[in-house]
PDB file of N, CA and C in Angstrom:
ATOM      1  N   UNK A   1       5.625  35.043  44.047  1.00  0.00           N
ATOM      2  CA  UNK A   1       5.871  33.616  43.969  1.00  0.00           C
ATOM      3  C   UNK A   1       4.837  32.930  43.080  1.00  0.00           C
ATOM      4  N   UNK A   2       3.555  33.304  43.265  1.00  0.00           N
ATOM      5  CA  UNK A   2       2.503  32.700  42.444  1.00  0.00           C
ATOM      6  C   UNK A   2       2.695  33.030  40.970  1.00  0.00           C
ATOM      7  N   UNK A   3       3.104  34.259  40.693  1.00  0.00           N
ATOM      8  CA  UNK A   3       3.306  34.675  39.307  1.00  0.00           C
ATOM      9  C   UNK A   3       4.418  33.847  38.666  1.00  0.00           C
ATOM     10  N   UNK A   4       5.499  33.607  39.403  1.00  0.00           N
ATOM     11  CA  UNK A   4       6.612  32.813  38.887  1.00  0.00           C
ATOM     12  C   UNK A   4       6.153  31.394  38.598  1.00  0.00           C
ATOM     13  N   UNK A   5       5.371  30.817  39.515  1.00  0.00           N
ATOM     14  CA  UNK A   5       4.875  29.459  39.314  1.00  0.00           C
ATOM     15  C   UNK A   5       3.952  29.398  38.105  1.00  0.00           C
ATOM     16  N   UNK A   6       3.088  30.404  37.944  1.00  0.00           N
ATOM     17  CA  UNK A   6       2.172  30.433  36.808  1.00  0.00           C
ATOM     18  C   UNK A   6       2.946  30.545  35.498  1.00  0.00           C
ATOM     19  N   UNK A   7       3.980  31.388  35.461  1.00  0.00           N
ATOM     20  CA  UNK A   7       4.807  31.527  34.268  1.00  0.00           C
ATOM     21  C   UNK A   7       5.497  30.206  33.955  1.00  0.00           C
ATOM     22  N   UNK A   8       5.969  29.504  34.990  1.00  0.00           N
ATOM     23  CA  UNK A   8       6.620  28.215  34.775  1.00  0.00           C
ATOM     24  C   UNK A   8       5.640  27.209  34.185  1.00  0.00           C
ATOM     25  N   UNK A   9       4.395  27.202  34.669  1.00  0.00           N
ATOM     26  CA  UNK A   9       3.380  26.284  34.142  1.00  0.00           C
ATOM     27  C   UNK A   9       3.069  26.624  32.692  1.00  0.00           C
ATOM     28  N   UNK A  10       2.940  27.918  32.369  1.00  0.00           N
ATOM     29  CA  UNK A  10       2.665  28.333  30.995  1.00  0.00           C
ATOM     30  C   UNK A  10       3.805  27.917  30.075  1.00  0.00           C
ATOM     31  N   UNK A  11       5.046  28.124  30.506  1.00  0.00           N
ATOM     32  CA  UNK A  11       6.212  27.728  29.707  1.00  0.00           C
ATOM     33  C   UNK A  11       6.232  26.207  29.544  1.00  0.00           C
ATOM     34  N   UNK A  12       6.004  25.481  30.641  1.00  0.00           N
ATOM     35  CA  UNK A  12       5.960  24.025  30.577  1.00  0.00           C
ATOM     36  C   UNK A  12       4.863  23.570  29.625  1.00  0.00           C
ATOM     37  N   UNK A  13       3.701  24.211  29.672  1.00  0.00           N
ATOM     38  CA  UNK A  13       2.604  23.862  28.773  1.00  0.00           C
ATOM     39  C   UNK A  13       2.986  24.089  27.316  1.00  0.00           C
ATOM     40  N   UNK A  14       3.664  25.193  27.036  1.00  0.00           N
ATOM     41  CA  UNK A  14       4.087  25.479  25.664  1.00  0.00           C
ATOM     42  C   UNK A  14       5.075  24.428  25.166  1.00  0.00           C
ATOM     43  N   UNK A  15       6.004  24.027  26.023  1.00  0.00           N
ATOM     44  CA  UNK A  15       6.977  23.002  25.654  1.00  0.00           C
ATOM     45  C   UNK A  15       6.270  21.674  25.399  1.00  0.00           C
ATOM     46  N   UNK A  16       5.339  21.295  26.274  1.00  0.00           N
ATOM     47  CA  UNK A  16       4.618  20.038  26.111  1.00  0.00           C
ATOM     48  C   UNK A  16       3.749  20.047  24.864  1.00  0.00           C
ATOM     49  N   UNK A  17       3.155  21.204  24.523  1.00  0.00           N
ATOM     50  CA  UNK A  17       2.344  21.285  23.319  1.00  0.00           C
ATOM     51  C   UNK A  17       3.203  21.006  22.095  1.00  0.00           C
ATOM     52  N   UNK A  18       4.410  21.570  22.054  1.00  0.00           N
ATOM     53  CA  UNK A  18       5.303  21.329  20.925  1.00  0.00           C
ATOM     54  C   UNK A  18       5.667  19.858  20.825  1.00  0.00           C
ATOM     55  N   UNK A  19       5.874  19.204  21.956  1.00  0.00           N
ATOM     56  CA  UNK A  19       6.280  17.801  21.956  1.00  0.00           C
ATOM     57  C   UNK A  19       5.115  16.848  21.803  1.00  0.00           C
ATOM     58  N   UNK A  20       4.007  17.152  22.464  1.00  0.00           N
ATOM     59  CA  UNK A  20       2.892  16.211  22.513  1.00  0.00           C
ATOM     60  C   UNK A  20       1.775  16.517  21.522  1.00  0.00           C
ATOM     61  N   UNK A  21       1.635  17.768  21.111  1.00  0.00           N
ATOM     62  CA  UNK A  21       0.500  18.127  20.289  1.00  0.00           C
ATOM     63  C   UNK A  21      -0.770  18.097  21.116  1.00  0.00           C
ATOM     64  N   UNK A  22      -1.874  17.766  20.485  1.00  0.00           N
ATOM     65  CA  UNK A  22      -3.167  17.727  21.168  1.00  0.00           C
ATOM     66  C   UNK A  22      -3.445  16.305  21.637  1.00  0.00           C
ATOM     67  N   UNK A  23      -3.808  16.189  22.895  1.00  0.00           N
ATOM     68  CA  UNK A  23      -4.237  14.896  23.444  1.00  0.00           C
ATOM     69  C   UNK A  23      -5.710  15.008  23.806  1.00  0.00           C
ATOM     70  N   UNK A  24      -6.506  14.115  23.250  1.00  0.00           N
ATOM     71  CA  UNK A  24      -7.940  14.115  23.525  1.00  0.00           C
ATOM     72  C   UNK A  24      -8.187  13.501  24.898  1.00  0.00           C
ATOM     73  N   UNK A  25      -8.976  14.175  25.733  1.00  0.00           N
ATOM     74  CA  UNK A  25      -9.241  13.615  27.059  1.00  0.00           C
ATOM     75  C   UNK A  25     -10.155  12.395  26.976  1.00  0.00           C
ATOM     76  N   UNK A  26     -10.077  11.563  27.983  1.00  0.00           N
ATOM     77  CA  UNK A  26     -11.007  10.451  28.152  1.00  0.00           C
ATOM     78  C   UNK A  26     -12.135  10.930  29.055  1.00  0.00           C
ATOM     79  N   UNK A  27     -13.370  10.708  28.631  1.00  0.00           N
ATOM     80  CA  UNK A  27     -14.527  11.150  29.414  1.00  0.00           C
ATOM     81  C   UNK A  27     -15.202   9.977  30.105  1.00  0.00           C
ATOM     82  N   UNK A  28     -15.595  10.201  31.348  1.00  0.00           N
ATOM     83  CA  UNK A  28     -16.381   9.240  32.111  1.00  0.00           C
ATOM     84  C   UNK A  28     -17.546   9.988  32.734  1.00  0.00           C
ATOM     85  N   UNK A  29     -18.771   9.515  32.489  1.00  0.00           N
ATOM     86  CA  UNK A  29     -19.941  10.129  33.108  1.00  0.00           C
ATOM     87  C   UNK A  29     -20.408   9.217  34.234  1.00  0.00           C
ATOM     88  N   UNK A  30     -20.401   9.759  35.440  1.00  0.00           N
ATOM     89  CA  UNK A  30     -20.861   9.013  36.614  1.00  0.00           C
ATOM     90  C   UNK A  30     -22.357   9.232  36.776  1.00  0.00           C
ATOM     91  N   UNK A  31     -23.132   8.163  36.937  1.00  0.00           N
ATOM     92  CA  UNK A  31     -24.596   8.290  37.024  1.00  0.00           C
ATOM     93  C   UNK A  31     -25.057   8.827  38.379  1.00  0.00           C
ATOM     94  N   UNK A  32     -26.350   9.020  38.475  1.00  0.00           N
ATOM     95  CA  UNK A  32     -26.958   9.520  39.706  1.00  0.00           C
ATOM     96  C   UNK A  32     -26.749   8.539  40.860  1.00  0.00           C
ATOM     97  N   UNK A  33     -26.886   9.058  42.070  1.00  0.00           N
ATOM     98  CA  UNK A  33     -26.765   8.223  43.270  1.00  0.00           C
ATOM     99  C   UNK A  33     -28.030   7.380  43.441  1.00  0.00           C
ATOM    100  N   UNK A  34     -27.936   6.377  44.293  1.00  0.00           N
ATOM    101  CA  UNK A  34     -29.101   5.521  44.590  1.00  0.00           C
ATOM    102  C   UNK A  34     -30.233   6.343  45.208  1.00  0.00           C
ATOM    103  N   UNK A  35     -29.876   7.297  46.066  1.00  0.00           N
ATOM    104  CA  UNK A  35     -30.887   8.154  46.700  1.00  0.00           C
ATOM    105  C   UNK A  35     -31.608   8.996  45.644  1.00  0.00           C
ATOM    106  N   UNK A  36     -30.855   9.558  44.712  1.00  0.00           N
ATOM    107  CA  UNK A  36     -31.480  10.349  43.647  1.00  0.00           C
ATOM    108  C   UNK A  36     -32.336   9.460  42.753  1.00  0.00           C
ATOM    109  N   UNK A  37     -31.879   8.244  42.532  1.00  0.00           N
ATOM    110  CA  UNK A  37     -32.650   7.303  41.717  1.00  0.00           C
ATOM    111  C   UNK A  37     -34.041   7.098  42.326  1.00  0.00           C
ATOM    112  N   UNK A  38     -34.103   6.987  43.655  1.00  0.00           N
ATOM    113  CA  UNK A  38     -35.390   6.836  44.343  1.00  0.00           C
ATOM    114  C   UNK A  38     -36.263   8.076  44.152  1.00  0.00           C
ATOM    115  N   UNK A  39     -35.620   9.253  44.111  1.00  0.00           N
ATOM    116  CA  UNK A  39     -36.359  10.511  43.974  1.00  0.00           C
ATOM    117  C   UNK A  39     -36.595  10.878  42.510  1.00  0.00           C
ATOM    118  N   UNK A  40     -35.976  10.116  41.622  1.00  0.00           N
ATOM    119  CA  UNK A  40     -36.108  10.326  40.179  1.00  0.00           C
ATOM    120  C   UNK A  40     -35.474  11.642  39.709  1.00  0.00           C
ATOM    121  N   UNK A  41     -34.468  12.123  40.430  1.00  0.00           N
ATOM    122  CA  UNK A  41     -33.712  13.287  39.982  1.00  0.00           C
ATOM    123  C   UNK A  41     -32.294  12.807  39.663  1.00  0.00           C
ATOM    124  N   UNK A  42     -31.445  13.704  39.204  1.00  0.00           N
ATOM    125  CA  UNK A  42     -30.096  13.264  38.841  1.00  0.00           C
ATOM    126  C   UNK A  42     -29.078  14.382  38.986  1.00  0.00           C
ATOM    127  N   UNK A  43     -27.958  14.056  39.611  1.00  0.00           N
ATOM    128  CA  UNK A  43     -26.772  14.897  39.581  1.00  0.00           C
ATOM    129  C   UNK A  43     -25.694  14.027  38.946  1.00  0.00           C
ATOM    130  N   UNK A  44     -25.276  14.423  37.764  1.00  0.00           N
ATOM    131  CA  UNK A  44     -24.314  13.644  36.989  1.00  0.00           C
ATOM    132  C   UNK A  44     -22.970  14.349  37.009  1.00  0.00           C
ATOM    133  N   UNK A  45     -21.902  13.578  37.033  1.00  0.00           N
ATOM    134  CA  UNK A  45     -20.551  14.135  37.039  1.00  0.00           C
ATOM    135  C   UNK A  45     -19.815  13.626  35.808  1.00  0.00           C
ATOM    136  N   UNK A  46     -19.200  14.536  35.086  1.00  0.00           N
ATOM    137  CA  UNK A  46     -18.367  14.189  33.938  1.00  0.00           C
ATOM    138  C   UNK A  46     -16.914  14.425  34.319  1.00  0.00           C
ATOM    139  N   UNK A  47     -16.109  13.369  34.240  1.00  0.00           N
ATOM    140  CA  UNK A  47     -14.685  13.474  34.510  1.00  0.00           C
ATOM    141  C   UNK A  47     -13.937  13.396  33.184  1.00  0.00           C
ATOM    142  N   UNK A  48     -13.089  14.356  32.932  1.00  0.00           N
ATOM    143  CA  UNK A  48     -12.250  14.374  31.737  1.00  0.00           C
ATOM    144  C   UNK A  48     -10.805  14.247  32.211  1.00  0.00           C
ATOM    145  N   UNK A  49     -10.100  13.256  31.721  1.00  0.00           N
ATOM    146  CA  UNK A  49      -8.725  13.023  32.171  1.00  0.00           C
ATOM    147  C   UNK A  49      -7.789  12.844  30.982  1.00  0.00           C
ATOM    148  N   UNK A  50      -6.538  13.219  31.197  1.00  0.00           N
ATOM    149  CA  UNK A  50      -5.486  12.957  30.217  1.00  0.00           C
ATOM    150  C   UNK A  50      -5.488  13.842  28.999  1.00  0.00           C
ATOM    151  N   UNK A  51      -6.083  15.031  29.093  1.00  0.00           N
ATOM    152  CA  UNK A  51      -6.143  15.930  27.946  1.00  0.00           C
ATOM    153  C   UNK A  51      -4.987  16.912  27.895  1.00  0.00           C
ATOM    154  N   UNK A  52      -4.751  17.436  26.690  1.00  0.00           N
ATOM    155  CA  UNK A  52      -3.741  18.473  26.500  1.00  0.00           C
ATOM    156  C   UNK A  52      -4.063  19.193  25.205  1.00  0.00           C
ATOM    157  N   UNK A  53      -3.988  20.505  25.146  1.00  0.00           N
ATOM    158  CA  UNK A  53      -3.594  21.464  26.180  1.00  0.00           C
ATOM    159  C   UNK A  53      -4.719  21.705  27.191  1.00  0.00           C
ATOM    160  N   UNK A  54      -4.554  22.753  28.009  1.00  0.00           N
ATOM    161  CA  UNK A  54      -5.451  22.977  29.142  1.00  0.00           C
ATOM    162  C   UNK A  54      -6.782  23.611  28.757  1.00  0.00           C
ATOM    163  N   UNK A  55      -6.946  24.077  27.521  1.00  0.00           N
ATOM    164  CA  UNK A  55      -8.152  24.843  27.204  1.00  0.00           C
ATOM    165  C   UNK A  55      -9.283  24.025  26.562  1.00  0.00           C
ATOM    166  N   UNK A  56      -9.309  22.712  26.791  1.00  0.00           N
ATOM    167  CA  UNK A  56     -10.501  21.935  26.451  1.00  0.00           C
ATOM    168  C   UNK A  56     -11.643  22.443  27.320  1.00  0.00           C
ATOM    169  N   UNK A  57     -12.837  22.520  26.788  1.00  0.00           N
ATOM    170  CA  UNK A  57     -14.026  22.978  27.525  1.00  0.00           C
ATOM    171  C   UNK A  57     -15.024  21.830  27.629  1.00  0.00           C
ATOM    172  N   UNK A  58     -15.612  21.666  28.809  1.00  0.00           N
ATOM    173  CA  UNK A  58     -16.640  20.646  29.010  1.00  0.00           C
ATOM    174  C   UNK A  58     -18.016  21.285  28.925  1.00  0.00           C
ATOM    175  N   UNK A  59     -18.940  20.590  28.277  1.00  0.00           N
ATOM    176  CA  UNK A  59     -20.315  21.056  28.175  1.00  0.00           C
ATOM    177  C   UNK A  59     -21.265  19.868  28.263  1.00  0.00           C
ATOM    178  N   UNK A  60     -22.551  20.155  28.404  1.00  0.00           N
ATOM    179  CA  UNK A  60     -23.579  19.130  28.543  1.00  0.00           C
ATOM    180  C   UNK A  60     -24.657  19.317  27.500  1.00  0.00           C
ATOM    181  N   UNK A  61     -25.218  18.202  27.031  1.00  0.00           N
ATOM    182  CA  UNK A  61     -26.403  18.211  26.183  1.00  0.00           C
ATOM    183  C   UNK A  61     -27.445  17.309  26.822  1.00  0.00           C
ATOM    184  N   UNK A  62     -28.667  17.808  26.886  1.00  0.00           N
ATOM    185  CA  UNK A  62     -29.803  17.001  27.329  1.00  0.00           C
ATOM    186  C   UNK A  62     -30.623  16.785  26.066  1.00  0.00           C
ATOM    187  N   UNK A  63     -30.703  15.531  25.628  1.00  0.00           N
ATOM    188  CA  UNK A  63     -31.232  15.258  24.301  1.00  0.00           C
ATOM    189  C   UNK A  63     -30.224  15.812  23.304  1.00  0.00           C
ATOM    190  N   UNK A  64     -30.674  16.633  22.394  1.00  0.00           N
ATOM    191  CA  UNK A  64     -29.751  17.242  21.425  1.00  0.00           C
ATOM    192  C   UNK A  64     -29.502  18.718  21.716  1.00  0.00           C
ATOM    193  N   UNK A  65     -29.979  19.188  22.889  1.00  0.00           N
ATOM    194  CA  UNK A  65     -29.897  20.607  23.232  1.00  0.00           C
ATOM    195  C   UNK A  65     -28.801  20.876  24.264  1.00  0.00           C
ATOM    196  N   UNK A  66     -27.888  21.788  23.935  1.00  0.00           N
ATOM    197  CA  UNK A  66     -26.861  22.192  24.898  1.00  0.00           C
ATOM    198  C   UNK A  66     -27.510  22.915  26.058  1.00  0.00           C
ATOM    199  N   UNK A  67     -26.982  22.678  27.260  1.00  0.00           N
ATOM    200  CA  UNK A  67     -27.534  23.346  28.436  1.00  0.00           C
ATOM    201  C   UNK A  67     -26.413  23.869  29.323  1.00  0.00           C
ATOM    202  N   UNK A  68     -26.660  25.025  29.936  1.00  0.00           N
ATOM    203  CA  UNK A  68     -25.732  25.552  30.932  1.00  0.00           C
ATOM    204  C   UNK A  68     -26.440  25.686  32.280  1.00  0.00           C
ATOM    205  N   UNK A  69     -27.745  25.443  32.282  1.00  0.00           N
ATOM    206  CA  UNK A  69     -28.522  25.514  33.511  1.00  0.00           C
ATOM    207  C   UNK A  69     -28.222  24.299  34.385  1.00  0.00           C
ATOM    208  N   UNK A  70     -27.930  24.533  35.661  1.00  0.00           N
ATOM    209  CA  UNK A  70     -27.636  23.437  36.576  1.00  0.00           C
ATOM    210  C   UNK A  70     -26.241  22.853  36.407  1.00  0.00           C
ATOM    211  N   UNK A  71     -25.360  23.596  35.745  1.00  0.00           N
ATOM    212  CA  UNK A  71     -23.996  23.107  35.466  1.00  0.00           C
ATOM    213  C   UNK A  71     -22.980  23.857  36.317  1.00  0.00           C
ATOM    214  N   UNK A  72     -22.054  23.120  36.895  1.00  0.00           N
ATOM    215  CA  UNK A  72     -20.890  23.735  37.538  1.00  0.00           C
ATOM    216  C   UNK A  72     -19.657  22.968  37.083  1.00  0.00           C
ATOM    217  N   UNK A  73     -18.604  23.708  36.805  1.00  0.00           N
ATOM    218  CA  UNK A  73     -17.378  23.094  36.282  1.00  0.00           C
ATOM    219  C   UNK A  73     -16.168  23.483  37.102  1.00  0.00           C
ATOM    220  N   UNK A  74     -15.192  22.590  37.122  1.00  0.00           N
ATOM    221  CA  UNK A  74     -13.949  22.861  37.853  1.00  0.00           C
ATOM    222  C   UNK A  74     -12.933  23.531  36.924  1.00  0.00           C
ATOM    223  N   UNK A  75     -11.913  24.099  37.522  1.00  0.00           N
ATOM    224  CA  UNK A  75     -10.769  24.548  36.759  1.00  0.00           C
ATOM    225  C   UNK A  75      -9.940  23.321  36.375  1.00  0.00           C
ATOM    226  N   UNK A  76      -9.086  23.487  35.385  1.00  0.00           N
ATOM    227  CA  UNK A  76      -8.234  22.367  34.989  1.00  0.00           C
ATOM    228  C   UNK A  76      -7.185  22.095  36.065  1.00  0.00           C
ATOM    229  N   UNK A  77      -6.793  20.833  36.163  1.00  0.00           N
ATOM    230  CA  UNK A  77      -5.754  20.418  37.102  1.00  0.00           C
ATOM    231  C   UNK A  77      -4.638  19.776  36.296  1.00  0.00           C
ATOM    232  N   UNK A  78      -3.428  20.274  36.469  1.00  0.00           N
ATOM    233  CA  UNK A  78      -2.265  19.725  35.764  1.00  0.00           C
ATOM    234  C   UNK A  78      -1.694  18.569  36.561  1.00  0.00           C
ATOM    235  N   UNK A  79      -1.662  17.388  35.949  1.00  0.00           N
ATOM    236  CA  UNK A  79      -1.107  16.205  36.602  1.00  0.00           C
ATOM    237  C   UNK A  79       0.396  16.154  36.491  1.00  0.00           C
ATOM    238  N   UNK A  80       0.996  15.271  37.243  1.00  0.00           N
ATOM    239  CA  UNK A  80       2.450  15.120  37.219  1.00  0.00           C
ATOM    240  C   UNK A  80       2.951  14.601  35.872  1.00  0.00           C
ATOM    241  N   UNK A  81       2.042  14.004  35.082  1.00  0.00           N
ATOM    242  CA  UNK A  81       2.411  13.513  33.754  1.00  0.00           C
ATOM    243  C   UNK A  81       2.328  14.597  32.680  1.00  0.00           C
ATOM    244  N   UNK A  82       1.959  15.822  33.074  1.00  0.00           N
ATOM    245  CA  UNK A  82       1.852  16.921  32.115  1.00  0.00           C
ATOM    246  C   UNK A  82       0.512  16.976  31.400  1.00  0.00           C
ATOM    247  N   UNK A  83      -0.427  16.122  31.763  1.00  0.00           N
ATOM    248  CA  UNK A  83      -1.761  16.121  31.166  1.00  0.00           C
ATOM    249  C   UNK A  83      -2.753  16.751  32.130  1.00  0.00           C
ATOM    250  N   UNK A  84      -3.859  17.223  31.581  1.00  0.00           N
ATOM    251  CA  UNK A  84      -4.842  17.936  32.381  1.00  0.00           C
ATOM    252  C   UNK A  84      -6.083  17.088  32.651  1.00  0.00           C
ATOM    253  N   UNK A  85      -6.757  17.424  33.753  1.00  0.00           N
ATOM    254  CA  UNK A  85      -8.031  16.812  34.114  1.00  0.00           C
ATOM    255  C   UNK A  85      -9.016  17.920  34.474  1.00  0.00           C
ATOM    256  N   UNK A  86     -10.301  17.657  34.242  1.00  0.00           N
ATOM    257  CA  UNK A  86     -11.379  18.589  34.530  1.00  0.00           C
ATOM    258  C   UNK A  86     -12.575  17.809  35.013  1.00  0.00           C
ATOM    259  N   UNK A  87     -13.534  18.509  35.596  1.00  0.00           N
ATOM    260  CA  UNK A  87     -14.809  17.871  35.904  1.00  0.00           C
ATOM    261  C   UNK A  87     -15.924  18.890  35.733  1.00  0.00           C
ATOM    262  N   UNK A  88     -17.108  18.359  35.485  1.00  0.00           N
ATOM    263  CA  UNK A  88     -18.294  19.190  35.358  1.00  0.00           C
ATOM    264  C   UNK A  88     -19.464  18.412  35.940  1.00  0.00           C
ATOM    265  N   UNK A  89     -20.358  19.124  36.612  1.00  0.00           N
ATOM    266  CA  UNK A  89     -21.513  18.510  37.258  1.00  0.00           C
ATOM    267  C   UNK A  89     -22.789  19.097  36.669  1.00  0.00           C
ATOM    268  N   UNK A  90     -23.743  18.227  36.372  1.00  0.00           N
ATOM    269  CA  UNK A  90     -25.044  18.646  35.857  1.00  0.00           C
ATOM    270  C   UNK A  90     -26.129  18.144  36.806  1.00  0.00           C
ATOM    271  N   UNK A  91     -26.963  19.063  37.293  1.00  0.00           N
ATOM    272  CA  UNK A  91     -28.086  18.701  38.166  1.00  0.00           C
ATOM    273  C   UNK A  91     -29.382  18.833  37.385  1.00  0.00           C
ATOM    274  N   UNK A  92     -30.159  17.743  37.382  1.00  0.00           N
ATOM    275  CA  UNK A  92     -31.434  17.731  36.681  1.00  0.00           C
ATOM    276  C   UNK A  92     -32.564  17.438  37.672  1.00  0.00           C
ATOM    277  N   UNK A  93     -33.658  18.162  37.530  1.00  0.00           N
ATOM    278  CA  UNK A  93     -34.837  17.906  38.359  1.00  0.00           C
ATOM    279  C   UNK A  93     -35.472  16.591  37.917  1.00  0.00           C
ATOM    280  N   UNK A  94     -36.406  16.110  38.705  1.00  0.00           N
ATOM    281  CA  UNK A  94     -37.121  14.876  38.356  1.00  0.00           C
ATOM    282  C   UNK A  94     -37.804  15.025  37.001  1.00  0.00           C
ATOM    283  N   UNK A  95     -38.415  16.175  36.744  1.00  0.00           N
ATOM    284  CA  UNK A  95     -39.114  16.397  35.477  1.00  0.00           C
ATOM    285  C   UNK A  95     -38.131  16.394  34.303  1.00  0.00           C
ATOM    286  N   UNK A  96     -37.002  17.096  34.454  1.00  0.00           N
ATOM    287  CA  UNK A  96     -35.991  17.127  33.389  1.00  0.00           C
ATOM    288  C   UNK A  96     -35.422  15.731  33.130  1.00  0.00           C
ATOM    289  N   UNK A  97     -35.180  14.978  34.194  1.00  0.00           N
ATOM    290  CA  UNK A  97     -34.611  13.636  34.072  1.00  0.00           C
ATOM    291  C   UNK A  97     -35.592  12.700  33.371  1.00  0.00           C
ATOM    292  N   UNK A  98     -36.876  12.815  33.702  1.00  0.00           N
ATOM    293  CA  UNK A  98     -37.901  11.976  33.063  1.00  0.00           C
ATOM    294  C   UNK A  98     -37.976  12.240  31.561  1.00  0.00           C
ATOM    295  N   UNK A  99     -37.846  13.513  31.184  1.00  0.00           N
ATOM    296  CA  UNK A  99     -38.003  13.908  29.776  1.00  0.00           C
ATOM    297  C   UNK A  99     -36.726  13.722  28.953  1.00  0.00           C
ATOM    298  N   UNK A 100     -35.601  13.535  29.605  1.00  0.00           N
ATOM    299  CA  UNK A 100     -34.326  13.443  28.871  1.00  0.00           C
ATOM    300  C   UNK A 100     -34.264  12.132  28.087  1.00  0.00           C
ATOM    301  N   UNK A 101     -34.061  12.239  26.794  1.00  0.00           N
ATOM    302  CA  UNK A 101     -33.870  11.035  25.990  1.00  0.00           C
ATOM    303  C   UNK A 101     -32.479  10.482  26.193  1.00  0.00           C
ATOM    304  N   UNK A 102     -31.519  11.383  26.340  1.00  0.00           N
ATOM    305  CA  UNK A 102     -30.135  11.024  26.624  1.00  0.00           C
ATOM    306  C   UNK A 102     -29.454  12.259  27.204  1.00  0.00           C
ATOM    307  N   UNK A 103     -28.358  12.029  27.892  1.00  0.00           N
ATOM    308  CA  UNK A 103     -27.566  13.126  28.452  1.00  0.00           C
ATOM    309  C   UNK A 103     -26.123  12.883  28.040  1.00  0.00           C
ATOM    310  N   UNK A 104     -25.477  13.917  27.475  1.00  0.00           N
ATOM    311  CA  UNK A 104     -24.109  13.771  26.985  1.00  0.00           C
ATOM    312  C   UNK A 104     -23.197  14.830  27.575  1.00  0.00           C
ATOM    313  N   UNK A 105     -21.990  14.400  27.888  1.00  0.00           N
ATOM    314  CA  UNK A 105     -20.915  15.321  28.252  1.00  0.00           C
ATOM    315  C   UNK A 105     -20.021  15.432  27.022  1.00  0.00           C
ATOM    316  N   UNK A 106     -19.613  16.646  26.726  1.00  0.00           N
ATOM    317  CA  UNK A 106     -18.814  16.871  25.522  1.00  0.00           C
ATOM    318  C   UNK A 106     -17.605  17.738  25.847  1.00  0.00           C
ATOM    319  N   UNK A 107     -16.432  17.270  25.456  1.00  0.00           N
ATOM    320  CA  UNK A 107     -15.206  18.057  25.590  1.00  0.00           C
ATOM    321  C   UNK A 107     -14.889  18.635  24.216  1.00  0.00           C
ATOM    322  N   UNK A 108     -14.679  19.946  24.161  1.00  0.00           N
ATOM    323  CA  UNK A 108     -14.414  20.581  22.871  1.00  0.00           C
ATOM    324  C   UNK A 108     -13.165  21.461  22.947  1.00  0.00           C
ATOM    325  N   UNK A 109     -12.498  21.521  21.820  1.00  0.00           N
ATOM    326  CA  UNK A 109     -11.308  22.355  21.652  1.00  0.00           C
ATOM    327  C   UNK A 109     -11.335  22.863  20.222  1.00  0.00           C
ATOM    328  N   UNK A 110     -11.102  24.141  20.049  1.00  0.00           N
ATOM    329  CA  UNK A 110     -11.135  24.740  18.722  1.00  0.00           C
ATOM    330  C   UNK A 110     -10.245  23.962  17.745  1.00  0.00           C
ATOM    331  N   UNK A 111     -10.791  23.639  16.586  1.00  0.00           N
ATOM    332  CA  UNK A 111     -10.029  22.928  15.565  1.00  0.00           C
ATOM    333  C   UNK A 111     -10.014  21.415  15.723  1.00  0.00           C
ATOM    334  N   UNK A 112     -10.678  20.905  16.763  1.00  0.00           N
ATOM    335  CA  UNK A 112     -10.713  19.457  17.017  1.00  0.00           C
ATOM    336  C   UNK A 112     -12.153  18.969  17.007  1.00  0.00           C
ATOM    337  N   UNK A 113     -12.342  17.724  16.601  1.00  0.00           N
ATOM    338  CA  UNK A 113     -13.684  17.149  16.734  1.00  0.00           C
ATOM    339  C   UNK A 113     -13.930  16.878  18.217  1.00  0.00           C
ATOM    340  N   UNK A 114     -15.166  17.057  18.677  1.00  0.00           N
ATOM    341  CA  UNK A 114     -15.448  16.893  20.107  1.00  0.00           C
ATOM    342  C   UNK A 114     -15.324  15.444  20.567  1.00  0.00           C
ATOM    343  N   UNK A 115     -15.069  15.289  21.857  1.00  0.00           N
ATOM    344  CA  UNK A 115     -15.085  13.986  22.517  1.00  0.00           C
ATOM    345  C   UNK A 115     -16.393  13.935  23.284  1.00  0.00           C
ATOM    346  N   UNK A 116     -17.175  12.875  23.105  1.00  0.00           N
ATOM    347  CA  UNK A 116     -18.502  12.801  23.713  1.00  0.00           C
ATOM    348  C   UNK A 116     -18.696  11.489  24.453  1.00  0.00           C
ATOM    349  N   UNK A 117     -19.336  11.572  25.610  1.00  0.00           N
ATOM    350  CA  UNK A 117     -19.752  10.385  26.367  1.00  0.00           C
ATOM    351  C   UNK A 117     -21.225  10.576  26.700  1.00  0.00           C
ATOM    352  N   UNK A 118     -22.044   9.581  26.347  1.00  0.00           N
ATOM    353  CA  UNK A 118     -23.492   9.691  26.503  1.00  0.00           C
ATOM    354  C   UNK A 118     -24.001   8.682  27.542  1.00  0.00           C
ATOM    355  N   UNK A 119     -24.954   9.161  28.330  1.00  0.00           N
ATOM    356  CA  UNK A 119     -25.629   8.319  29.314  1.00  0.00           C
ATOM    357  C   UNK A 119     -27.103   8.288  28.943  1.00  0.00           C
ATOM    358  N   UNK A 120     -27.648   7.097  28.754  1.00  0.00           N
ATOM    359  CA  UNK A 120     -29.080   6.953  28.503  1.00  0.00           C
ATOM    360  C   UNK A 120     -29.761   6.741  29.845  1.00  0.00           C
ATOM    361  N   UNK A 121     -30.613   7.684  30.252  1.00  0.00           N
ATOM    362  CA  UNK A 121     -31.221   7.586  31.584  1.00  0.00           C
ATOM    363  C   UNK A 121     -32.149   6.382  31.717  1.00  0.00           C
ATOM    364  N   UNK A 122     -32.131   5.799  32.919  1.00  0.00           N
ATOM    365  CA  UNK A 122     -33.156   4.835  33.287  1.00  0.00           C
ATOM    366  C   UNK A 122     -34.335   5.688  33.716  1.00  0.00           C
ATOM    367  N   UNK A 123     -35.394   5.660  32.940  1.00  0.00           N
ATOM    368  CA  UNK A 123     -36.535   6.515  33.270  1.00  0.00           C
ATOM    369  C   UNK A 123     -37.310   5.940  34.443  1.00  0.00           C
ATOM    370  N   UNK A 124     -37.690   6.823  35.318  1.00  0.00           N
ATOM    371  CA  UNK A 124     -38.414   6.374  36.505  1.00  0.00           C
ATOM    372  C   UNK A 124     -39.903   6.365  36.221  1.00  0.00           C
ATOM    373  N   UNK A 125     -40.592   5.603  37.019  1.00  0.00           N
ATOM    374  CA  UNK A 125     -42.032   5.552  36.865  1.00  0.00           C
ATOM    375  C   UNK A 125     -42.657   6.738  37.578  1.00  0.00           C
ATOM    376  N   UNK A 126     -43.747   7.165  37.092  1.00  0.00           N
ATOM    377  CA  UNK A 126     -44.455   8.333  37.665  1.00  0.00           C
ATOM    378  C   UNK A 126     -44.934   8.040  39.076  1.00  0.00           C
TER     379      UNK A 126
END
């Protein structure tokens, strides 16, 4: 049953790609919680919505450097509108957060220019 459903989703995705082409997702970066703000650390969430096809990849940059440390990402979710959504979480220590000039979430797909959303941290006092 699962295999049949997966094949149906793949076929549906192929049909939608022919009709829709590439849809760039909209990115939203949610800032740290009030509690983390007090501790001067940060767990940031990047929400990507409305993208197509399903193989957009989310990544993070701290300053101008890509990072995979402290990152966890979800699998894509197919919405009823035929578009995909994803999320990725980045956890930064107090020291990393203090030193970050900016933090960016980036959605990338081969052959497409990336979609980027940047958060400029409110630096905490020592």
